[in-house]
Amino acid sequence: MDTMMALDILVCPLCKGPLAHDRQQQTLTCKADRLVFPIRDGVPVMIVEEAGHLAADGSVTPAPAAGTAG
């Protein structure tokens, strides 16, 4: 299975909705939940706690670093 086909079958782990792939930013975005999942070394990180948040203006707030109180 090629990489693009694999990305096409992935869904948001929270709502099971579709994801938009941004090749330049290496992210997958769930517009419904406003979550931005990173792709690290070619592997999508589909962990909600590691996802950034998509703001109304289109900017992305990164997830808190592991081990930090929030």
PDB file of N, CA and C in Angstrom:
ATOM      1  N   MET A   1       0.856  -1.178   0.000  1.00  0.00           N
ATOM      2  CA  MET A   1       0.000   0.000   0.000  1.00  0.00           C
ATOM      3  C   MET A   1       0.895   1.232   0.000  1.00  0.00           C
ATOM      4  N   ASP A   2       0.635   2.176  -0.908  1.00  0.00           N
ATOM      5  CA  ASP A   2       1.470   3.369  -0.914  1.00  0.00           C
ATOM      6  C   ASP A   2       1.039   4.338   0.186  1.00  0.00           C
ATOM      7  N   THR A   3       1.913   5.287   0.486  1.00  0.00           N
ATOM      8  CA  THR A   3       1.693   6.213   1.599  1.00  0.00           C
ATOM      9  C   THR A   3       0.422   7.022   1.427  1.00  0.00           C
ATOM     10  N   MET A   4       0.168   7.531   0.226  1.00  0.00           N
ATOM     11  CA  MET A   4      -1.024   8.357   0.008  1.00  0.00           C
ATOM     12  C   MET A   4      -2.294   7.560   0.235  1.00  0.00           C
ATOM     13  N   MET A   5      -2.320   6.303  -0.186  1.00  0.00           N
ATOM     14  CA  MET A   5      -3.499   5.482   0.034  1.00  0.00           C
ATOM     15  C   MET A   5      -3.691   5.247   1.528  1.00  0.00           C
ATOM     16  N   ALA A   6      -2.612   5.016   2.251  1.00  0.00           N
ATOM     17  CA  ALA A   6      -2.705   4.804   3.696  1.00  0.00           C
ATOM     18  C   ALA A   6      -3.261   6.049   4.376  1.00  0.00           C
ATOM     19  N   LEU A   7      -2.818   7.235   3.967  1.00  0.00           N
ATOM     20  CA  LEU A   7      -3.323   8.472   4.560  1.00  0.00           C
ATOM     21  C   LEU A   7      -4.797   8.675   4.241  1.00  0.00           C
ATOM     22  N   ASP A   8      -5.247   8.205   3.081  1.00  0.00           N
ATOM     23  CA  ASP A   8      -6.651   8.352   2.691  1.00  0.00           C
ATOM     24  C   ASP A   8      -7.595   7.536   3.560  1.00  0.00           C
ATOM     25  N   ILE A   9      -7.118   6.461   4.163  1.00  0.00           N
ATOM     26  CA  ILE A   9      -8.018   5.631   4.967  1.00  0.00           C
ATOM     27  C   ILE A   9      -7.989   5.989   6.451  1.00  0.00           C
ATOM     28  N   LEU A  10      -7.067   6.863   6.855  1.00  0.00           N
ATOM     29  CA  LEU A  10      -7.021   7.291   8.254  1.00  0.00           C
ATOM     30  C   LEU A  10      -8.170   8.241   8.554  1.00  0.00           C
ATOM     31  N   VAL A  11      -8.694   8.153   9.775  1.00  0.00           N
ATOM     32  CA  VAL A  11      -9.745   9.053  10.239  1.00  0.00           C
ATOM     33  C   VAL A  11      -9.347   9.612  11.596  1.00  0.00           C
ATOM     34  N   CYS A  12     -10.025  10.652  12.015  1.00  0.00           N
ATOM     35  CA  CYS A  12      -9.777  11.247  13.323  1.00  0.00           C
ATOM     36  C   CYS A  12     -10.088  10.218  14.411  1.00  0.00           C
ATOM     37  N   PRO A  13      -9.182  10.020  15.356  1.00  0.00           N
ATOM     38  CA  PRO A  13      -9.442   9.044  16.418  1.00  0.00           C
ATOM     39  C   PRO A  13     -10.543   9.495  17.381  1.00  0.00           C
ATOM     40  N   LEU A  14     -10.865  10.781  17.392  1.00  0.00           N
ATOM     41  CA  LEU A  14     -11.887  11.293  18.301  1.00  0.00           C
ATOM     42  C   LEU A  14     -13.288  11.172  17.704  1.00  0.00           C
ATOM     43  N   CYS A  15     -13.482  11.686  16.484  1.00  0.00           N
ATOM     44  CA  CYS A  15     -14.830  11.709  15.898  1.00  0.00           C
ATOM     45  C   CYS A  15     -15.008  10.750  14.724  1.00  0.00           C
ATOM     46  N   LYS A  16     -13.924  10.125  14.292  1.00  0.00           N
ATOM     47  CA  LYS A  16     -13.917   9.206  13.140  1.00  0.00           C
ATOM     48  C   LYS A  16     -14.205   9.923  11.829  1.00  0.00           C
ATOM     49  N   GLY A  17     -14.036  11.251  11.819  1.00  0.00           N
ATOM     50  CA  GLY A  17     -14.254  12.047  10.614  1.00  0.00           C
ATOM     51  C   GLY A  17     -13.027  12.073   9.722  1.00  0.00           C
ATOM     52  N   PRO A  18     -13.171  12.669   8.534  1.00  0.00           N
ATOM     53  CA  PRO A  18     -12.060  12.733   7.578  1.00  0.00           C
ATOM     54  C   PRO A  18     -10.960  13.678   8.039  1.00  0.00           C
ATOM     55  N   LEU A  19      -9.771  13.452   7.505  1.00  0.00           N
ATOM     56  CA  LEU A  19      -8.605  14.276   7.816  1.00  0.00           C
ATOM     57  C   LEU A  19      -8.090  14.929   6.544  1.00  0.00           C
ATOM     58  N   ALA A  20      -7.628  16.159   6.671  1.00  0.00           N
ATOM     59  CA  ALA A  20      -7.002  16.861   5.549  1.00  0.00           C
ATOM     60  C   ALA A  20      -5.490  16.753   5.708  1.00  0.00           C
ATOM     61  N   HIS A  21      -4.815  16.338   4.636  1.00  0.00           N
ATOM     62  CA  HIS A  21      -3.365  16.150   4.668  1.00  0.00           C
ATOM     63  C   HIS A  21      -2.680  17.408   4.161  1.00  0.00           C
ATOM     64  N   ASP A  22      -1.775  17.955   4.945  1.00  0.00           N
ATOM     65  CA  ASP A  22      -0.951  19.099   4.531  1.00  0.00           C
ATOM     66  C   ASP A  22       0.464  18.576   4.336  1.00  0.00           C
ATOM     67  N   ARG A  23       0.854  18.400   3.088  1.00  0.00           N
ATOM     68  CA  ARG A  23       2.176  17.833   2.780  1.00  0.00           C
ATOM     69  C   ARG A  23       3.304  18.744   3.241  1.00  0.00           C
ATOM     70  N   GLN A  24       3.125  20.048   3.075  1.00  0.00           N
ATOM     71  CA  GLN A  24       4.189  20.979   3.445  1.00  0.00           C
ATOM     72  C   GLN A  24       4.426  20.992   4.949  1.00  0.00           C
ATOM     73  N   GLN A  25       3.361  21.037   5.727  1.00  0.00           N
ATOM     74  CA  GLN A  25       3.480  21.088   7.183  1.00  0.00           C
ATOM     75  C   GLN A  25       3.638  19.704   7.808  1.00  0.00           C
ATOM     76  N   GLN A  26       3.426  18.655   7.007  1.00  0.00           N
ATOM     77  CA  GLN A  26       3.491  17.281   7.503  1.00  0.00           C
ATOM     78  C   GLN A  26       2.523  17.077   8.666  1.00  0.00           C
ATOM     79  N   THR A  27       1.240  17.352   8.375  1.00  0.00           N
ATOM     80  CA  THR A  27       0.185  17.209   9.377  1.00  0.00           C
ATOM     81  C   THR A  27      -1.066  16.620   8.744  1.00  0.00           C
ATOM     82  N   LEU A  28      -1.930  16.102   9.607  1.00  0.00           N
ATOM     83  CA  LEU A  28      -3.279  15.681   9.247  1.00  0.00           C
ATOM     84  C   LEU A  28      -4.222  16.471  10.145  1.00  0.00           C
ATOM     85  N   THR A  29      -5.230  17.120   9.559  1.00  0.00           N
ATOM     86  CA  THR A  29      -6.111  17.994  10.323  1.00  0.00           C
ATOM     87  C   THR A  29      -7.544  17.498  10.291  1.00  0.00           C
ATOM     88  N   CYS A  30      -8.155  17.442  11.479  1.00  0.00           N
ATOM     89  CA  CYS A  30      -9.585  17.168  11.603  1.00  0.00           C
ATOM     90  C   CYS A  30     -10.261  18.525  11.775  1.00  0.00           C
ATOM     91  N   LYS A  31     -10.979  18.967  10.749  1.00  0.00           N
ATOM     92  CA  LYS A  31     -11.628  20.275  10.810  1.00  0.00           C
ATOM     93  C   LYS A  31     -12.791  20.274  11.797  1.00  0.00           C
ATOM     94  N   ALA A  32     -13.457  19.144  11.980  1.00  0.00           N
ATOM     95  CA  ALA A  32     -14.592  19.069  12.904  1.00  0.00           C
ATOM     96  C   ALA A  32     -14.152  19.287  14.347  1.00  0.00           C
ATOM     97  N   ASP A  33     -13.057  18.653  14.749  1.00  0.00           N
ATOM     98  CA  ASP A  33     -12.569  18.764  16.130  1.00  0.00           C
ATOM     99  C   ASP A  33     -11.463  19.805  16.275  1.00  0.00           C
ATOM    100  N   ARG A  34     -11.016  20.371  15.138  1.00  0.00           N
ATOM    101  CA  ARG A  34      -9.959  21.389  15.121  1.00  0.00           C
ATOM    102  C   ARG A  34      -8.660  20.856  15.736  1.00  0.00           C
ATOM    103  N   LEU A  35      -8.356  19.590  15.410  1.00  0.00           N
ATOM    104  CA  LEU A  35      -7.136  18.946  15.881  1.00  0.00           C
ATOM    105  C   LEU A  35      -6.163  18.786  14.723  1.00  0.00           C
ATOM    106  N   VAL A  36      -4.881  18.989  15.013  1.00  0.00           N
ATOM    107  CA  VAL A  36      -3.832  18.867  14.001  1.00  0.00           C
ATOM    108  C   VAL A  36      -2.840  17.807  14.477  1.00  0.00           C
ATOM    109  N   PHE A  37      -2.814  16.685  13.763  1.00  0.00           N
ATOM    110  CA  PHE A  37      -1.954  15.562  14.125  1.00  0.00           C
ATOM    111  C   PHE A  37      -0.649  15.643  13.339  1.00  0.00           C
ATOM    112  N   PRO A  38       0.491  15.541  14.019  1.00  0.00           N
ATOM    113  CA  PRO A  38       1.773  15.606  13.311  1.00  0.00           C
ATOM    114  C   PRO A  38       2.083  14.306  12.578  1.00  0.00           C
ATOM    115  N   ILE A  39       2.882  14.431  11.538  1.00  0.00           N
ATOM    116  CA  ILE A  39       3.452  13.264  10.862  1.00  0.00           C
ATOM    117  C   ILE A  39       4.944  13.339  11.141  1.00  0.00           C
ATOM    118  N   ARG A  40       5.460  12.367  11.881  1.00  0.00           N
ATOM    119  CA  ARG A  40       6.873  12.360  12.277  1.00  0.00           C
ATOM    120  C   ARG A  40       7.595  11.205  11.602  1.00  0.00           C
ATOM    121  N   ASP A  41       8.637  11.528  10.882  1.00  0.00           N
ATOM    122  CA  ASP A  41       9.417  10.520  10.151  1.00  0.00           C
ATOM    123  C   ASP A  41       8.520   9.657   9.272  1.00  0.00           C
ATOM    124  N   GLY A  42       7.507  10.296   8.668  1.00  0.00           N
ATOM    125  CA  GLY A  42       6.607   9.590   7.768  1.00  0.00           C
ATOM    126  C   GLY A  42       5.495   8.820   8.450  1.00  0.00           C
ATOM    127  N   VAL A  43       5.407   8.898   9.778  1.00  0.00           N
ATOM    128  CA  VAL A  43       4.403   8.142  10.532  1.00  0.00           C
ATOM    129  C   VAL A  43       3.413   9.109  11.188  1.00  0.00           C
ATOM    130  N   PRO A  44       2.120   9.015  10.852  1.00  0.00           N
ATOM    131  CA  PRO A  44       1.128   9.870  11.504  1.00  0.00           C
ATOM    132  C   PRO A  44       1.008   9.527  12.988  1.00  0.00           C
ATOM    133  N   VAL A  45       1.049  10.554  13.827  1.00  0.00           N
ATOM    134  CA  VAL A  45       0.902  10.369  15.275  1.00  0.00           C
ATOM    135  C   VAL A  45      -0.552  10.695  15.605  1.00  0.00           C
ATOM    136  N   MET A  46      -1.370   9.660  15.710  1.00  0.00           N
ATOM    137  CA  MET A  46      -2.815   9.826  15.860  1.00  0.00           C
ATOM    138  C   MET A  46      -3.244   9.748  17.325  1.00  0.00           C
ATOM    139  N   ILE A  47      -2.521  10.429  18.185  1.00  0.00           N
ATOM    140  CA  ILE A  47      -2.810  10.461  19.619  1.00  0.00           C
ATOM    141  C   ILE A  47      -3.372  11.841  19.933  1.00  0.00           C
ATOM    142  N   VAL A  48      -4.602  11.884  20.438  1.00  0.00           N
ATOM    143  CA  VAL A  48      -5.287  13.155  20.683  1.00  0.00           C
ATOM    144  C   VAL A  48      -4.455  14.062  21.576  1.00  0.00           C
ATOM    145  N   GLU A  49      -3.815  13.509  22.596  1.00  0.00           N
ATOM    146  CA  GLU A  49      -3.014  14.310  23.527  1.00  0.00           C
ATOM    147  C   GLU A  49      -1.778  14.929  22.863  1.00  0.00           C
ATOM    148  N   GLU A  50      -1.371  14.404  21.725  1.00  0.00           N
ATOM    149  CA  GLU A  50      -0.204  14.932  21.013  1.00  0.00           C
ATOM    150  C   GLU A  50      -0.586  15.839  19.852  1.00  0.00           C
ATOM    151  N   ALA A  51      -1.886  16.029  19.648  1.00  0.00           N
ATOM    152  CA  ALA A  51      -2.361  16.866  18.550  1.00  0.00           C
ATOM    153  C   ALA A  51      -2.331  18.335  18.943  1.00  0.00           C
ATOM    154  N   GLY A  52      -2.053  19.175  17.958  1.00  0.00           N
ATOM    155  CA  GLY A  52      -2.166  20.610  18.163  1.00  0.00           C
ATOM    156  C   GLY A  52      -3.622  21.023  17.996  1.00  0.00           C
ATOM    157  N   HIS A  53      -3.926  22.273  18.317  1.00  0.00           N
ATOM    158  CA  HIS A  53      -5.283  22.799  18.190  1.00  0.00           C
ATOM    159  C   HIS A  53      -5.314  23.849  17.084  1.00  0.00           C
ATOM    160  N   LEU A  54      -6.281  23.723  16.184  1.00  0.00           N
ATOM    161  CA  LEU A  54      -6.446  24.663  15.084  1.00  0.00           C
ATOM    162  C   LEU A  54      -7.317  25.827  15.543  1.00  0.00           C
ATOM    163  N   ALA A  55      -6.740  27.025  15.582  1.00  0.00           N
ATOM    164  CA  ALA A  55      -7.471  28.225  16.003  1.00  0.00           C
ATOM    165  C   ALA A  55      -8.352  28.734  14.862  1.00  0.00           C
ATOM    166  N   ALA A  56      -9.289  29.609  15.197  1.00  0.00           N
ATOM    167  CA  ALA A  56     -10.214  30.162  14.211  1.00  0.00           C
ATOM    168  C   ALA A  56      -9.485  30.910  13.093  1.00  0.00           C
ATOM    169  N   ASP A  57      -8.330  31.497  13.410  1.00  0.00           N
ATOM    170  CA  ASP A  57      -7.575  32.247  12.398  1.00  0.00           C
ATOM    171  C   ASP A  57      -6.675  31.355  11.542  1.00  0.00           C
ATOM    172  N   GLY A  58      -6.726  30.041  11.785  1.00  0.00           N
ATOM    173  CA  GLY A  58      -5.929  29.102  11.008  1.00  0.00           C
ATOM    174  C   GLY A  58      -4.580  28.772  11.599  1.00  0.00           C
ATOM    175  N   SER A  59      -4.206  29.466  12.675  1.00  0.00           N
ATOM    176  CA  SER A  59      -2.932  29.149  13.327  1.00  0.00           C
ATOM    177  C   SER A  59      -3.082  27.871  14.149  1.00  0.00           C
ATOM    178  N   VAL A  60      -1.961  27.239  14.417  1.00  0.00           N
ATOM    179  CA  VAL A  60      -1.969  25.987  15.175  1.00  0.00           C
ATOM    180  C   VAL A  60      -1.237  26.189  16.489  1.00  0.00           C
ATOM    181  N   THR A  61      -1.915  25.848  17.585  1.00  0.00           N
ATOM    182  CA  THR A  61      -1.294  25.855  18.902  1.00  0.00           C
ATOM    183  C   THR A  61      -0.790  24.446  19.152  1.00  0.00           C
ATOM    184  N   PRO A  62       0.518  24.267  19.344  1.00  0.00           N
ATOM    185  CA  PRO A  62       1.042  22.915  19.555  1.00  0.00           C
ATOM    186  C   PRO A  62       0.523  22.302  20.852  1.00  0.00           C
ATOM    187  N   ALA A  63       0.549  20.986  20.890  1.00  0.00           N
ATOM    188  CA  ALA A  63       0.181  20.273  22.114  1.00  0.00           C
ATOM    189  C   ALA A  63       1.205  20.591  23.190  1.00  0.00           C
ATOM    190  N   PRO A  64       0.785  20.587  24.469  1.00  0.00           N
ATOM    191  CA  PRO A  64       1.761  20.799  25.547  1.00  0.00           C
ATOM    192  C   PRO A  64       2.841  19.724  25.496  1.00  0.00           C
ATOM    193  N   ALA A  65       4.053  20.093  25.818  1.00  0.00           N
ATOM    194  CA  ALA A  65       5.152  19.127  25.839  1.00  0.00           C
ATOM    195  C   ALA A  65       4.883  18.070  26.898  1.00  0.00           C
ATOM    196  N   ALA A  66       5.292  16.861  26.615  1.00  0.00           N
ATOM    197  CA  ALA A  66       5.109  15.763  27.569  1.00  0.00           C
ATOM    198  C   ALA A  66       5.789  16.099  28.883  1.00  0.00           C
ATOM    199  N   GLY A  67       5.100  15.811  29.971  1.00  0.00           N
ATOM    200  CA  GLY A  67       5.682  16.018  31.291  1.00  0.00           C
ATOM    201  C   GLY A  67       5.458  17.398  31.864  1.00  0.00           C
ATOM    202  N   THR A  68       4.740  18.265  31.128  1.00  0.00           N
ATOM    203  CA  THR A  68       4.464  19.593  31.672  1.00  0.00           C
ATOM    204  C   THR A  68       3.074  19.627  32.268  1.00  0.00           C
ATOM    205  N   ALA A  69       2.939  20.364  33.342  1.00  0.00           N
ATOM    206  CA  ALA A  69       1.628  20.493  33.975  1.00  0.00           C
ATOM    207  C   ALA A  69       0.787  21.456  33.157  1.00  0.00           C
ATOM    208  N   GLY A  70      -0.520  21.167  33.069  1.00  0.00           N
ATOM    209  CA  GLY A  70      -1.338  22.047  32.265  1.00  0.00           C
ATOM    210  C   GLY A  70      -2.622  22.371  32.828  1.00  0.00           C
TER     211      GLY A  70
END
